[in-house]
Amino acid sequence: MKRGDIVTIADPGGDFSRKPRPAIIVQSDVFNDTHASVTVCLITSHLTGQALFRLPLGAGDGTGLIVPSEIAVDKVQSVWAHRVGKRIGRVSDELLTILDQALRQWLAL
């Protein structure tokens, strides 16, 4: 499990992820094996086109997604590590850089 990986998560008590769904790991790799939770941005197939906080993510072999989707920068959450399922894909380094910029803007960092 590494930053930029697309994984499935199931967080039945969460507000946005009661059902298993894809998410992208956004926390630093430094904490992946040493912390009980993992910080992710949820991925949605509900396309809004809100480019400032919803990043387009194509379907296909690289992402593991079956339909075009968006990374929901406005839906950052931490889930217990044991609720993270298998890795289904990964984003490119270029998209990860764009995601970093979007997170900085969303969080005013």
C-alpha atoms as a PDB file:
ATOM      1  CA  MET A   1       0.000   0.000   0.000  1.00  0.00           C
ATOM      2  CA  LYS A   2       1.591   3.235  -1.208  1.00  0.00           C
ATOM      3  CA  ARG A   3       0.651   6.820  -1.825  1.00  0.00           C
ATOM      4  CA  GLY A   4      -1.036   7.044  -5.221  1.00  0.00           C
ATOM      5  CA  ASP A   5      -2.444   3.514  -5.074  1.00  0.00           C
ATOM      6  CA  ILE A   6      -6.113   3.072  -5.857  1.00  0.00           C
ATOM      7  CA  VAL A   7      -7.627   0.684  -3.351  1.00  0.00           C
ATOM      8  CA  THR A   8     -11.055  -0.440  -2.287  1.00  0.00           C
ATOM      9  CA  ILE A   9     -12.298   0.647   1.114  1.00  0.00           C
ATOM     10  CA  ALA A  10     -15.275  -0.346   3.200  1.00  0.00           C
ATOM     11  CA  ASP A  11     -16.097   1.894   6.140  1.00  0.00           C
ATOM     12  CA  PRO A  12     -19.638   1.020   7.253  1.00  0.00           C
ATOM     13  CA  GLY A  13     -19.673   3.753   9.902  1.00  0.00           C
ATOM     14  CA  GLY A  14     -18.374   6.442   7.547  1.00  0.00           C
ATOM     15  CA  ASP A  15     -20.488   9.180   6.056  1.00  0.00           C
ATOM     16  CA  PHE A  16     -19.373   8.653   2.449  1.00  0.00           C
ATOM     17  CA  SER A  17     -18.194   5.077   2.186  1.00  0.00           C
ATOM     18  CA  ARG A  18     -20.753   2.714   3.660  1.00  0.00           C
ATOM     19  CA  LYS A  19     -20.443   0.448   0.632  1.00  0.00           C
ATOM     20  CA  PRO A  20     -17.105  -0.795  -0.719  1.00  0.00           C
ATOM     21  CA  ARG A  21     -15.760   1.830  -3.076  1.00  0.00           C
ATOM     22  CA  PRO A  22     -12.503   2.967  -4.663  1.00  0.00           C
ATOM     23  CA  ALA A  23     -10.256   5.527  -3.027  1.00  0.00           C
ATOM     24  CA  ILE A  24      -6.755   6.845  -3.567  1.00  0.00           C
ATOM     25  CA  ILE A  25      -4.188   6.779  -0.788  1.00  0.00           C
ATOM     26  CA  VAL A  26      -2.927  10.321  -0.142  1.00  0.00           C
ATOM     27  CA  GLN A  27      -1.020  10.031   3.132  1.00  0.00           C
ATOM     28  CA  SER A  28       2.758   9.847   3.214  1.00  0.00           C
ATOM     29  CA  ASP A  29       4.307   6.398   2.756  1.00  0.00           C
ATOM     30  CA  VAL A  30       6.247   7.044   5.976  1.00  0.00           C
ATOM     31  CA  PHE A  31       3.107   6.232   7.977  1.00  0.00           C
ATOM     32  CA  ASN A  32       1.641   3.371   5.943  1.00  0.00           C
ATOM     33  CA  ASP A  33       3.074   0.542   8.043  1.00  0.00           C
ATOM     34  CA  THR A  34       3.206   2.339  11.372  1.00  0.00           C
ATOM     35  CA  HIS A  35      -0.226   3.882  11.798  1.00  0.00           C
ATOM     36  CA  ALA A  36      -3.623   2.287  12.418  1.00  0.00           C
ATOM     37  CA  SER A  37      -5.411   4.496   9.884  1.00  0.00           C
ATOM     38  CA  VAL A  38      -4.933   5.506   6.274  1.00  0.00           C
ATOM     39  CA  THR A  39      -5.904   8.855   4.736  1.00  0.00           C
ATOM     40  CA  VAL A  40      -7.591   8.677   1.347  1.00  0.00           C
ATOM     41  CA  CYS A  41      -9.568  10.708  -1.151  1.00  0.00           C
ATOM     42  CA  LEU A  42     -12.721   8.932  -2.228  1.00  0.00           C
ATOM     43  CA  ILE A  43     -13.328   8.195  -5.899  1.00  0.00           C
ATOM     44  CA  THR A  44     -16.788   8.643  -7.383  1.00  0.00           C
ATOM     45  CA  SER A  45     -18.391   7.733 -10.684  1.00  0.00           C
ATOM     46  CA  HIS A  46     -20.776  10.695 -10.247  1.00  0.00           C
ATOM     47  CA  LEU A  47     -19.125  13.166 -12.626  1.00  0.00           C
ATOM     48  CA  THR A  48     -19.499  16.812 -11.653  1.00  0.00           C
ATOM     49  CA  GLY A  49     -16.851  18.551 -13.747  1.00  0.00           C
ATOM     50  CA  GLN A  50     -15.886  20.680 -10.717  1.00  0.00           C
ATOM     51  CA  ALA A  51     -12.230  20.864 -11.788  1.00  0.00           C
ATOM     52  CA  LEU A  52     -10.998  22.721  -8.691  1.00  0.00           C
ATOM     53  CA  PHE A  53     -11.798  19.833  -6.361  1.00  0.00           C
ATOM     54  CA  ARG A  54     -12.850  16.906  -8.564  1.00  0.00           C
ATOM     55  CA  LEU A  55     -10.075  15.462 -10.720  1.00  0.00           C
ATOM     56  CA  PRO A  56     -11.021  13.313 -13.717  1.00  0.00           C
ATOM     57  CA  LEU A  57      -9.811   9.729 -13.589  1.00  0.00           C
ATOM     58  CA  GLY A  58     -10.197   7.414 -16.562  1.00  0.00           C
ATOM     59  CA  ALA A  59     -11.266   3.809 -16.522  1.00  0.00           C
ATOM     60  CA  GLY A  60      -8.849   1.133 -17.618  1.00  0.00           C
ATOM     61  CA  ASP A  61      -6.029  -1.177 -16.748  1.00  0.00           C
ATOM     62  CA  GLY A  62      -3.888   1.427 -14.988  1.00  0.00           C
ATOM     63  CA  THR A  63      -6.583   2.621 -12.619  1.00  0.00           C
ATOM     64  CA  GLY A  64      -8.539  -0.591 -12.275  1.00  0.00           C
ATOM     65  CA  LEU A  65     -11.765   1.374 -12.637  1.00  0.00           C
ATOM     66  CA  ILE A  66     -14.540   0.189 -14.940  1.00  0.00           C
ATOM     67  CA  VAL A  67     -16.168   3.587 -15.563  1.00  0.00           C
ATOM     68  CA  PRO A  68     -14.789   7.136 -15.864  1.00  0.00           C
ATOM     69  CA  SER A  69     -14.650   8.679 -12.400  1.00  0.00           C
ATOM     70  CA  GLU A  70     -13.409  11.635 -10.384  1.00  0.00           C
ATOM     71  CA  ILE A  71     -11.074  11.879  -7.413  1.00  0.00           C
ATOM     72  CA  ALA A  72     -13.094  13.733  -4.786  1.00  0.00           C
ATOM     73  CA  VAL A  73     -10.534  16.099  -3.264  1.00  0.00           C
ATOM     74  CA  ASP A  74     -13.397  17.459  -1.150  1.00  0.00           C
ATOM     75  CA  LYS A  75     -13.954  13.996   0.365  1.00  0.00           C
ATOM     76  CA  VAL A  76     -10.693  13.402   2.235  1.00  0.00           C
ATOM     77  CA  GLN A  77     -11.054  10.970   5.105  1.00  0.00           C
ATOM     78  CA  SER A  78      -9.078   8.617   7.271  1.00  0.00           C
ATOM     79  CA  VAL A  79     -10.185   5.014   7.604  1.00  0.00           C
ATOM     80  CA  TRP A  80      -8.903   2.174   9.740  1.00  0.00           C
ATOM     81  CA  ALA A  81      -6.162   0.343   7.859  1.00  0.00           C
ATOM     82  CA  HIS A  82      -7.999  -2.955   8.241  1.00  0.00           C
ATOM     83  CA  ARG A  83     -10.857  -1.499   6.179  1.00  0.00           C
ATOM     84  CA  VAL A  84      -8.563  -1.001   3.182  1.00  0.00           C
ATOM     85  CA  GLY A  85      -9.031  -3.773   0.650  1.00  0.00           C
ATOM     86  CA  LYS A  86      -6.945  -4.772  -2.294  1.00  0.00           C
ATOM     87  CA  ARG A  87      -5.021  -2.478  -4.602  1.00  0.00           C
ATOM     88  CA  ILE A  88      -6.869  -2.199  -7.900  1.00  0.00           C
ATOM     89  CA  GLY A  89      -4.695   0.375  -9.661  1.00  0.00           C
ATOM     90  CA  ARG A  90      -2.456   3.394  -9.423  1.00  0.00           C
ATOM     91  CA  VAL A  91      -2.440   6.987 -10.673  1.00  0.00           C
ATOM     92  CA  SER A  92       0.401   8.439 -12.699  1.00  0.00           C
ATOM     93  CA  ASP A  93       3.062  10.584 -11.058  1.00  0.00           C
ATOM     94  CA  GLU A  94       1.713  13.511 -13.096  1.00  0.00           C
ATOM     95  CA  LEU A  95      -1.811  13.083 -11.727  1.00  0.00           C
ATOM     96  CA  LEU A  96      -0.446  12.626  -8.205  1.00  0.00           C
ATOM     97  CA  THR A  97       1.275  16.026  -8.529  1.00  0.00           C
ATOM     98  CA  ILE A  98      -2.002  17.608  -9.676  1.00  0.00           C
ATOM     99  CA  LEU A  99      -3.772  15.928  -6.743  1.00  0.00           C
ATOM    100  CA  ASP A 100      -1.161  17.369  -4.360  1.00  0.00           C
ATOM    101  CA  GLN A 101      -1.849  20.855  -5.703  1.00  0.00           C
ATOM    102  CA  ALA A 102      -5.618  20.373  -5.419  1.00  0.00           C
ATOM    103  CA  LEU A 103      -5.298  19.139  -1.815  1.00  0.00           C
ATOM    104  CA  ARG A 104      -3.132  22.143  -0.911  1.00  0.00           C
ATOM    105  CA  GLN A 105      -5.757  24.468  -2.370  1.00  0.00           C
ATOM    106  CA  TRP A 106      -8.682  22.645  -0.726  1.00  0.00           C
ATOM    107  CA  LEU A 107      -6.973  22.620   2.685  1.00  0.00           C
ATOM    108  CA  ALA A 108      -5.408  26.105   2.291  1.00  0.00           C
ATOM    109  CA  LEU A 109      -1.881  24.772   2.867  1.00  0.00           C
END
